[in-house]
Protein backbone atom coordinates (compact mmCIF):
# COMPACT_ATOMS: atom_id res chain seq x y z
CA UNK A 1 12.36 -34.91 -7.66
CA UNK A 2 10.93 -31.43 -8.17
CA UNK A 3 10.51 -29.13 -5.17
CA UNK A 4 8.49 -25.93 -4.66
CA UNK A 5 9.95 -23.36 -2.25
CA UNK A 6 7.60 -20.67 -0.91
CA UNK A 7 9.29 -17.27 -1.32
CA UNK A 8 6.56 -14.90 -0.09
CA UNK A 9 3.21 -15.08 1.64
CA UNK A 10 2.05 -17.05 4.67
CA UNK A 11 4.11 -20.13 3.71
CA UNK A 12 7.41 -18.27 3.09
CA UNK A 13 10.43 -20.53 3.61
CA UNK A 14 8.53 -23.82 3.39
CA UNK A 15 9.38 -26.44 0.78
CA UNK A 16 7.07 -28.98 -0.86
CA UNK A 17 8.00 -32.13 -2.80
CA UNK A 18 6.38 -32.56 -6.20
CA UNK A 19 6.34 -36.33 -6.70
CA UNK A 20 3.05 -36.41 -8.65
CA UNK A 21 0.07 -34.18 -9.34
CA UNK A 22 -0.31 -31.48 -6.72
CA UNK A 23 -3.05 -28.85 -6.26
CA UNK A 24 -2.42 -25.45 -4.68
CA UNK A 25 -5.42 -23.73 -3.13
CA UNK A 26 -7.11 -22.27 -0.10
CA UNK A 27 -9.19 -25.40 0.65
CA UNK A 28 -9.42 -28.97 -0.69
CA UNK A 29 -5.82 -28.77 -1.93
CA UNK A 30 -2.50 -30.56 -1.39
CA UNK A 31 -0.78 -27.28 -0.53
CA UNK A 32 -3.17 -25.10 1.46
CA UNK A 33 -2.39 -21.39 1.23
CA UNK A 34 -4.27 -19.28 3.80
CA UNK A 35 -4.57 -16.29 1.46
CA UNK A 36 -7.95 -14.71 0.54
CA UNK A 37 -6.62 -14.02 -2.97
CA UNK A 38 -6.18 -17.77 -3.62
CA UNK A 39 -9.12 -19.83 -4.92
CA UNK A 40 -10.20 -23.01 -3.17
CA UNK A 41 -8.52 -25.04 -5.94
CA UNK A 42 -6.26 -22.53 -7.67
CA UNK A 43 -3.58 -24.31 -9.72
CA UNK A 44 -2.39 -27.83 -10.48
CA UNK A 45 1.26 -28.84 -10.88
CA UNK A 46 2.78 -32.08 -12.09
CA UNK A 47 6.29 -33.12 -13.04
CA UNK A 48 6.87 -33.74 -16.75
CA UNK A 49 10.04 -34.38 -18.74
CA UNK A 50 11.97 -31.11 -18.90
CA UNK A 51 10.20 -29.32 -16.04
CA UNK A 52 6.90 -28.94 -14.24
CA UNK A 53 3.53 -28.43 -15.94
CA UNK A 54 1.40 -25.74 -14.29
CA UNK A 55 -2.33 -25.42 -15.01
CA UNK A 56 -4.62 -22.68 -13.71
CA UNK A 57 -7.87 -24.27 -12.48
CA UNK A 58 -10.10 -21.34 -13.45
CA UNK A 59 -9.00 -19.20 -10.51
CA UNK A 60 -10.53 -15.77 -10.07
CA UNK A 61 -7.20 -13.92 -9.61
CA UNK A 62 -5.16 -16.02 -12.02
CA UNK A 63 -1.95 -18.00 -11.84
CA UNK A 64 1.23 -16.14 -12.73
CA UNK A 65 4.54 -17.51 -14.03
CA UNK A 66 7.43 -15.06 -13.93
CA UNK A 67 4.85 -12.24 -13.61
CA UNK A 68 2.93 -13.32 -16.74
CA UNK A 69 -0.61 -14.62 -16.30
CA UNK A 70 -1.07 -18.07 -17.78
CA UNK A 71 -4.21 -18.93 -19.73
CA UNK A 72 -3.37 -22.54 -20.56
CA UNK A 73 -1.05 -25.22 -19.16
CA UNK A 74 2.62 -24.28 -19.36
CA UNK A 75 5.81 -26.23 -18.71
CA UNK A 76 8.15 -24.30 -16.45
CA UNK A 77 11.83 -24.96 -16.11
CA UNK A 78 14.11 -24.89 -13.11
CA UNK A 79 14.15 -21.50 -11.34
CA UNK A 80 10.79 -20.18 -12.57
CA UNK A 81 8.62 -18.25 -10.09
CA UNK A 82 4.96 -19.27 -9.67
CA UNK A 83 2.59 -16.79 -7.99
CA UNK A 84 -0.91 -17.48 -6.70
CA UNK A 85 -2.53 -14.60 -4.82
CA UNK A 86 0.15 -12.96 -2.67
CA UNK A 87 2.21 -16.16 -2.42
CA UNK A 88 5.19 -16.89 -4.67
CA UNK A 89 6.96 -20.24 -5.13
CA UNK A 90 10.29 -20.99 -6.81
CA UNK A 91 10.14 -24.13 -8.95
CA UNK A 92 13.16 -26.42 -8.65
CA UNK A 93 12.53 -28.98 -11.39
CA UNK A 94 15.52 -31.05 -10.25
CA UNK A 95 16.23 -31.00 -6.51
CA UNK A 96 20.03 -31.25 -6.15
CA UNK A 97 21.40 -32.98 -3.02
CA UNK A 98 22.58 -29.61 -1.61
CA UNK A 99 18.98 -28.34 -1.56
CA UNK A 100 17.67 -31.53 0.04
CA UNK A 101 19.73 -30.80 3.17
CA UNK A 102 18.76 -27.11 3.44
CA UNK A 103 17.34 -25.66 6.67
CA UNK A 104 13.73 -25.60 5.52
CA UNK A 105 12.00 -28.97 5.85
CA UNK A 106 10.59 -30.50 2.68
CA UNK A 107 6.89 -31.27 3.07
CA UNK A 108 5.44 -34.23 1.22
CA UNK A 109 2.43 -33.66 -1.03
CA UNK A 110 -0.82 -33.50 0.92
CA UNK A 111 0.78 -32.11 4.07
CA UNK A 112 -1.47 -29.76 6.06
CA UNK A 113 -0.14 -26.20 6.11
CA UNK A 114 -1.37 -23.09 7.18
CA UNK A 115 6.84 -10.67 -5.64
CA UNK A 116 9.90 -11.95 -6.66
CA UNK A 117 11.84 -10.80 -9.75
CA UNK A 118 11.22 -13.01 -12.77
CA UNK A 119 13.77 -15.72 -13.45
CA UNK A 120 13.71 -18.88 -15.53
CA UNK A 121 11.44 -19.44 -18.49
CA UNK A 122 8.34 -21.28 -19.53
CA UNK A 123 6.95 -22.79 -22.68
CA UNK A 124 3.36 -23.60 -23.58
CA UNK A 125 2.35 -27.18 -22.89
CA UNK A 126 0.40 -29.13 -25.47
CA UNK A 127 -3.17 -30.19 -24.80
CA UNK A 128 -6.51 -28.62 -23.93
CA UNK A 129 -7.04 -26.25 -21.03
CA UNK A 130 -8.31 -27.87 -17.86
CA UNK A 131 -11.95 -27.27 -17.00
CA UNK A 132 -12.87 -25.36 -13.89
CA UNK A 133 -14.06 -27.56 -11.06
CA UNK A 134 -17.65 -27.18 -9.93
CA UNK A 135 -18.19 -24.39 -7.44
CA UNK A 136 -19.06 -20.76 -6.98
CA UNK A 137 -17.64 -18.23 -9.41
CA UNK A 138 -16.80 -15.88 -6.58
CA UNK A 139 -16.08 -16.04 -2.87
CA UNK A 140 -17.90 -12.76 -2.27
CA UNK A 141 -21.50 -13.09 -1.08
CA UNK A 142 -22.53 -9.44 -1.48
CA UNK A 143 -22.55 -9.33 -5.33
CA UNK A 144 -24.56 -12.56 -5.43
CA UNK A 145 -27.05 -11.25 -2.86
CA UNK A 146 -27.45 -7.94 -4.73
CA UNK A 147 -28.03 -9.74 -8.04
CA UNK A 148 -30.64 -11.99 -6.45
CA UNK A 149 -32.39 -8.98 -4.87
CA UNK A 150 -32.47 -7.17 -8.23
CA UNK A 151 -34.03 -10.21 -9.93
CA UNK A 152 -36.69 -10.56 -7.21
CA UNK A 153 -37.49 -6.83 -7.32
CA UNK A 154 -37.87 -6.97 -11.11
CA UNK A 155 -40.17 -9.98 -10.89
CA UNK A 156 -42.38 -8.25 -8.29
CA UNK A 157 -42.52 -5.05 -10.37
CA UNK A 158 -43.59 -7.02 -13.46
CA UNK A 159 -46.27 -8.88 -11.49
CA UNK A 160 -47.68 -5.60 -10.14
CA UNK A 161 -47.54 -3.96 -13.58
CA UNK A 162 -49.51 -6.74 -15.27
CA UNK A 163 -51.94 -7.15 -12.33
CA UNK A 164 -52.98 -3.48 -12.58
CA UNK A 165 -53.53 -3.62 -16.35
């Protein structure tokens, strides 16, 4: 069974089993990463023959494999480093018995939870890119508020312009 080990960030030292599809994100995710740089639903992982397939779910800050941003699903092999926001995970595609008895507990998928040098490799996975889930394009409210205010101001200016004519 594949295992993710958090190397950096708020989950450093924790391990997560990858028995099936697993979503990493800030909210509504199997592995919740309390990091403002991580999207609500940031990346999806699933075990496949020969490694683990990683798909970015349209995150704002991107999903990085061995310090290369991925634009489509990729299959990563044992030892690759996945980074979302400020949190890095080492992918262990095959969890040897020695790792299963390590100090850090292995969390099952769905468990509630609060830059490393590149190693390993990855290869592009076949298939179309996953679509972004419905939701806001940004977590920041100020740009949205400013855009809305500019649209309203323009509408009022046009109304006044044509009312005077």
